[in-house]
């Protein structure tokens, strides 16, 4: 059974003009000291008033006004916790946020308003959230699904929710019997998000979960090319092709930088062409079946 657009998905319970005021419980750096950039894992208490499902996002409104004197626009962030939250009580929501800092054309430092607001929060602070939103990235309902997850950086957030629901939490009414395969692309090993957590899941469920890292600044392929996510995938190209086209009818989910899609399309394109098939057509058919979704930026 493919992922379906469920009718009971909570959507837009809180809107920009009337956001929910959540309380920060936890906010800590989750990358190494030498990591390029700073990424934080944060947990907000919503007292059970903002229900959501795995694969959804919430909006955050930074305080203050923009250069035109208007309230800041909502910024969307993929949720990084299952519907039960990191504490399992259904009262919290977690995010994985990278602090955005860059130089403009004049060499002047610019700080992303919302990401810096979030990364600077401390326990006890209030944060205005909206949503939840999104039905495209919902975790497939079929507990026996085969799921291929492709992420770069904080794009790991929705896949952490899938894996925690499948392999960490215990539910009387839900048991995941399928398989998941994660490919995570990052620049350095110090930026591998939730690595210890994922390795523990693999240790406990070796027949159901595989994780492969692509660390672009530290690893290369046999030809000496930088190891990007699609480069790592090529090592398993035939196996991935068979999972997607064979009886497993695997789902593919992408989340992260838009740049990864071209390489992934190229890899699948070559594989399909060998069999006289067209990847673009097949991908469109997969999307109709609810087996392919990309949330890239």
Protein backbone atom coordinates (compact mmCIF):
# COMPACT_ATOMS: atom_id res chain seq x y z
CA UNK A 1 0.00 0.00 0.00
CA UNK A 2 1.45 3.37 -1.00
CA UNK A 3 1.64 6.43 1.21
CA UNK A 4 -1.79 8.00 1.11
CA UNK A 5 -3.05 11.50 1.74
CA UNK A 6 -4.76 10.66 5.00
CA UNK A 7 -7.90 12.54 5.94
CA UNK A 8 -7.01 12.73 9.63
CA UNK A 9 -3.70 14.58 9.20
CA UNK A 10 -3.56 17.66 11.45
CA UNK A 11 -3.13 20.75 9.27
CA UNK A 12 -2.82 24.48 10.02
CA UNK A 13 -4.15 24.27 13.55
CA UNK A 14 -2.24 27.47 14.26
CA UNK A 15 -1.85 30.27 11.72
CA UNK A 16 0.53 33.27 11.50
CA UNK A 17 -1.99 35.69 12.97
CA UNK A 18 -2.68 33.39 15.91
CA UNK A 19 0.42 31.22 16.48
CA UNK A 20 0.93 28.83 19.38
CA UNK A 21 3.34 29.99 22.08
CA UNK A 22 5.54 27.01 22.88
CA UNK A 23 8.25 26.87 25.54
CA UNK A 24 11.84 25.90 24.84
CA UNK A 25 12.93 22.87 26.89
CA UNK A 26 16.25 22.11 25.24
CA UNK A 27 18.60 23.64 22.67
CA UNK A 28 22.06 22.18 22.09
CA UNK A 29 24.71 22.04 19.40
CA UNK A 30 24.84 18.64 17.67
CA UNK A 31 27.91 19.08 15.43
CA UNK A 32 31.60 18.97 16.30
CA UNK A 33 33.71 22.01 17.20
CA UNK A 34 35.44 21.98 13.81
CA UNK A 35 32.17 21.66 11.85
CA UNK A 36 31.52 24.22 9.11
CA UNK A 37 28.55 26.04 10.59
CA UNK A 38 26.48 25.38 13.68
CA UNK A 39 23.51 23.02 13.86
CA UNK A 40 21.27 22.73 16.91
CA UNK A 41 18.73 20.19 18.12
CA UNK A 42 15.90 21.91 19.94
CA UNK A 43 12.83 20.67 21.79
CA UNK A 44 9.71 22.80 22.38
CA UNK A 45 6.90 21.99 24.79
CA UNK A 46 3.42 22.39 23.26
CA UNK A 47 1.49 20.56 26.00
CA UNK A 48 -0.15 18.30 23.42
CA UNK A 49 -1.86 21.22 21.66
CA UNK A 50 0.05 20.93 18.38
CA UNK A 51 -0.41 17.34 17.18
CA UNK A 52 1.51 16.33 14.05
CA UNK A 53 2.63 13.30 12.08
CA UNK A 54 6.01 12.00 10.92
CA UNK A 55 7.10 13.95 7.83
CA UNK A 56 5.26 17.20 8.60
CA UNK A 57 6.72 20.66 9.24
CA UNK A 58 5.97 23.54 11.59
CA UNK A 59 6.35 27.25 11.01
CA UNK A 60 8.30 29.60 13.24
CA UNK A 61 7.81 33.37 13.48
CA UNK A 62 10.82 35.35 14.64
CA UNK A 63 10.00 38.30 16.92
CA UNK A 64 10.20 41.87 15.68
CA UNK A 65 9.64 43.36 12.25
CA UNK A 66 11.44 43.30 8.90
CA UNK A 67 13.06 46.23 7.05
CA UNK A 68 9.60 47.35 5.86
CA UNK A 69 8.22 47.39 9.37
CA UNK A 70 6.10 44.29 8.85
CA UNK A 71 6.09 41.16 11.06
CA UNK A 72 8.63 38.57 9.94
CA UNK A 73 7.31 35.93 7.57
CA UNK A 74 6.81 32.37 8.76
CA UNK A 75 9.78 30.07 8.15
CA UNK A 76 9.06 26.37 7.76
CA UNK A 77 11.18 23.66 9.40
CA UNK A 78 10.85 19.89 9.03
CA UNK A 79 9.94 18.26 12.32
CA UNK A 80 12.69 16.02 13.71
CA UNK A 81 10.65 14.07 16.28
CA UNK A 82 7.86 11.51 15.99
CA UNK A 83 4.30 12.44 16.90
CA UNK A 84 5.14 11.42 20.48
CA UNK A 85 8.10 13.81 20.73
CA UNK A 86 11.57 12.98 21.98
CA UNK A 87 10.23 12.28 25.47
CA UNK A 88 7.41 10.01 24.29
CA UNK A 89 4.62 11.94 26.04
CA UNK A 90 3.13 13.62 22.97
CA UNK A 91 3.79 17.08 24.41
CA UNK A 92 6.90 18.21 22.53
CA UNK A 93 8.17 18.89 19.03
CA UNK A 94 11.83 18.87 17.96
CA UNK A 95 13.71 20.68 15.19
CA UNK A 96 17.17 20.36 13.67
CA UNK A 97 18.28 23.87 12.65
CA UNK A 98 21.48 25.17 11.04
CA UNK A 99 22.42 28.75 11.83
CA UNK A 100 22.43 30.72 8.56
CA UNK A 101 25.32 33.19 8.32
CA UNK A 102 26.69 34.39 4.98
CA UNK A 103 28.36 37.35 3.28
CA UNK A 104 26.44 39.53 0.85
CA UNK A 105 27.81 40.95 -2.41
CA UNK A 106 29.61 43.71 -0.48
CA UNK A 107 31.29 41.25 1.88
CA UNK A 108 29.03 42.23 4.76
CA UNK A 109 27.95 39.47 7.16
CA UNK A 110 24.25 38.64 7.00
CA UNK A 111 22.48 36.50 9.58
CA UNK A 112 19.33 34.56 8.74
CA UNK A 113 16.65 36.09 10.96
CA UNK A 114 14.72 32.96 11.93
CA UNK A 115 17.55 30.43 12.14
CA UNK A 116 19.60 32.73 14.37
CA UNK A 117 16.54 33.44 16.53
CA UNK A 118 16.03 29.70 16.98
CA UNK A 119 19.69 28.84 17.57
CA UNK A 120 19.97 31.54 20.25
CA UNK A 121 16.94 30.36 22.26
CA UNK A 122 17.52 29.03 25.77
CA UNK A 123 15.33 26.80 27.98
CA UNK A 124 12.36 28.75 29.29
CA UNK A 125 12.19 31.07 26.27
CA UNK A 126 8.95 31.29 24.31
CA UNK A 127 8.72 30.56 20.59
CA UNK A 128 5.79 31.24 18.25
CA UNK A 129 4.95 28.26 16.06
CA UNK A 130 2.37 27.66 13.34
CA UNK A 131 1.06 24.61 11.50
CA UNK A 132 1.60 21.77 11.31
CA UNK A 133 1.79 21.66 7.49
CA UNK A 134 2.55 19.18 4.75
CA UNK A 135 1.24 15.84 3.54
CA UNK A 136 3.83 15.04 0.84
CA UNK A 137 6.55 13.65 3.12
CA UNK A 138 4.31 11.63 5.43
CA UNK A 139 5.79 8.31 6.47
CA UNK A 140 4.16 5.49 4.45
CA UNK A 141 1.29 3.83 6.33
CA UNK A 142 2.25 0.33 5.20
CA UNK A 143 4.30 -1.16 8.08
CA UNK A 144 5.99 -3.50 5.59
CA UNK A 145 7.14 -0.76 3.19
CA UNK A 146 10.64 -0.47 1.77
CA UNK A 147 11.79 3.13 2.19
CA UNK A 148 14.87 4.75 0.61
CA UNK A 149 15.71 8.03 2.34
CA UNK A 150 18.06 10.55 0.71
CA UNK A 151 19.15 13.52 2.84
CA UNK A 152 21.72 16.27 3.02
CA UNK A 153 22.43 18.08 6.30
CA UNK A 154 19.34 19.06 8.27
CA UNK A 155 17.26 17.34 5.58
CA UNK A 156 17.72 14.36 7.89
CA UNK A 157 14.90 15.67 10.13
CA UNK A 158 11.89 13.82 8.62
CA UNK A 159 13.91 10.60 8.30
CA UNK A 160 14.86 10.71 11.96
CA UNK A 161 11.11 10.66 12.65
CA UNK A 162 10.59 7.62 10.38
CA UNK A 163 13.44 5.69 11.97
CA UNK A 164 12.56 6.54 15.56
CA UNK A 165 8.96 5.45 14.96
CA UNK A 166 10.11 2.23 13.29
CA UNK A 167 13.09 1.23 15.41
CA UNK A 168 13.20 3.11 18.74
CA UNK A 169 9.64 3.51 19.98
CA UNK A 170 7.47 0.63 21.17
CA UNK A 171 3.77 0.71 20.27
CA UNK A 172 1.03 -1.81 21.01
CA UNK A 173 -0.78 -0.80 17.80
CA UNK A 174 2.19 -0.36 15.43
CA UNK A 175 5.16 -2.50 14.47
CA UNK A 176 7.36 -1.73 11.47
CA UNK A 177 8.23 -4.93 9.58
CA UNK A 178 9.66 -3.36 6.41
CA UNK A 179 13.09 -2.04 5.52
CA UNK A 180 14.71 1.38 5.47
CA UNK A 181 17.89 2.54 3.76
CA UNK A 182 19.33 5.97 4.54
CA UNK A 183 21.89 7.90 2.50
CA UNK A 184 23.09 11.03 4.31
CA UNK A 185 25.38 13.57 2.65
CA UNK A 186 27.42 16.01 4.79
CA UNK A 187 30.68 17.97 4.31
CA UNK A 188 32.65 16.57 7.27
CA UNK A 189 32.33 13.67 9.71
CA UNK A 190 31.81 16.26 12.48
CA UNK A 191 28.56 17.25 10.74
CA UNK A 192 27.01 13.75 10.72
CA UNK A 193 23.74 14.46 12.52
CA UNK A 194 22.33 11.86 14.96
CA UNK A 195 25.04 9.35 13.96
CA UNK A 196 25.23 7.58 17.33
CA UNK A 197 21.45 7.25 17.45
CA UNK A 198 21.28 5.79 13.93
CA UNK A 199 24.17 3.38 14.51
CA UNK A 200 22.40 2.03 17.61
CA UNK A 201 19.26 1.47 15.53
CA UNK A 202 21.32 -0.40 12.89
CA UNK A 203 22.91 -2.52 15.61
CA UNK A 204 19.50 -3.42 17.05
CA UNK A 205 17.80 -3.96 13.65
CA UNK A 206 20.53 -5.13 11.24
CA UNK A 207 18.08 -6.83 8.88
CA UNK A 208 15.82 -3.81 8.57
CA UNK A 209 18.00 -0.69 8.58
CA UNK A 210 21.02 0.38 6.53
CA UNK A 211 22.75 3.74 6.74
CA UNK A 212 25.41 5.02 4.34
CA UNK A 213 27.28 8.28 4.84
CA UNK A 214 28.67 10.48 2.05
CA UNK A 215 31.27 12.87 3.52
CA UNK A 216 32.28 15.16 0.66
CA UNK A 217 35.38 16.81 2.14
CA UNK A 218 36.87 13.61 3.54
CA UNK A 219 35.90 10.74 1.23
CA UNK A 220 36.39 10.01 -2.46
CA UNK A 221 35.22 7.32 -4.84
CA UNK A 222 37.51 4.89 -6.72
CA UNK A 223 38.25 7.59 -9.34
CA UNK A 224 39.13 10.19 -6.72
CA UNK A 225 35.90 12.19 -7.06
CA UNK A 226 34.42 13.85 -3.99
CA UNK A 227 31.96 11.62 -2.18
CA UNK A 228 28.59 13.29 -2.56
CA UNK A 229 25.30 11.57 -1.75
CA UNK A 230 24.69 10.52 -5.37
CA UNK A 231 28.31 9.28 -5.60
CA UNK A 232 27.70 6.95 -2.66
CA UNK A 233 24.42 5.78 -4.18
CA UNK A 234 26.21 4.79 -7.40
CA UNK A 235 28.07 2.09 -5.43
CA UNK A 236 24.71 0.39 -4.90
CA UNK A 237 23.09 1.48 -8.18
CA UNK A 238 21.86 -1.93 -9.35
CA UNK A 239 20.52 -2.87 -5.92
CA UNK A 240 18.66 0.44 -5.63
CA UNK A 241 17.27 0.01 -9.15
CA UNK A 242 15.91 -3.43 -8.29
CA UNK A 243 14.33 -2.15 -5.05
CA UNK A 244 12.57 0.63 -6.95
CA UNK A 245 11.38 -1.41 -9.93
CA UNK A 246 11.02 -4.88 -8.37
CA UNK A 247 8.47 -6.50 -6.03
CA UNK A 248 9.60 -4.34 -3.07
CA UNK A 249 8.09 -1.28 -4.81
CA UNK A 250 10.35 0.92 -2.72
CA UNK A 251 9.42 4.46 -1.77
CA UNK A 252 11.99 7.21 -2.40
CA UNK A 253 12.05 10.35 -0.27
CA UNK A 254 14.52 13.24 -0.76
CA UNK A 255 15.04 16.06 1.71
CA UNK A 256 17.76 18.69 1.66
CA UNK A 257 19.72 20.69 -0.89
CA UNK A 258 18.23 20.92 -4.37
CA UNK A 259 21.66 20.27 -5.88
CA UNK A 260 21.47 16.56 -5.08
CA UNK A 261 18.50 15.88 -7.36
CA UNK A 262 20.40 16.22 -10.67
CA UNK A 263 22.97 13.57 -9.70
CA UNK A 264 20.29 11.19 -8.45
CA UNK A 265 18.22 11.65 -11.62
CA UNK A 266 21.32 11.06 -13.74
CA UNK A 267 22.15 7.82 -11.93
CA UNK A 268 18.62 6.41 -12.20
CA UNK A 269 18.35 7.74 -15.76
CA UNK A 270 21.34 5.65 -16.88
CA UNK A 271 20.02 2.53 -15.14
CA UNK A 272 16.58 2.84 -16.66
CA UNK A 273 17.98 3.60 -20.11
CA UNK A 274 19.90 0.30 -20.05
CA UNK A 275 16.56 -1.48 -19.75
CA UNK A 276 14.97 0.69 -22.44
CA UNK A 277 12.92 2.60 -19.85
CA UNK A 278 12.55 6.29 -19.04
CA UNK A 279 13.33 7.37 -15.46
CA UNK A 280 11.42 10.65 -15.72
CA UNK A 281 8.24 8.82 -16.74
CA UNK A 282 8.74 6.19 -14.05
CA UNK A 283 9.38 8.84 -11.39
CA UNK A 284 6.15 10.64 -12.34
CA UNK A 285 4.26 7.36 -12.04
CA UNK A 286 5.90 6.72 -8.65
CA UNK A 287 4.81 10.18 -7.49
CA UNK A 288 1.21 9.43 -8.50
CA UNK A 289 1.40 6.21 -6.48
CA UNK A 290 2.74 8.12 -3.47
CA UNK A 291 6.14 6.41 -3.77
CA UNK A 292 8.31 9.42 -4.64
CA UNK A 293 8.56 12.78 -2.90
CA UNK A 294 11.22 15.48 -2.86
CA UNK A 295 11.35 18.36 -0.37
CA UNK A 296 14.39 20.32 -1.52
CA UNK A 297 15.54 23.92 -1.21
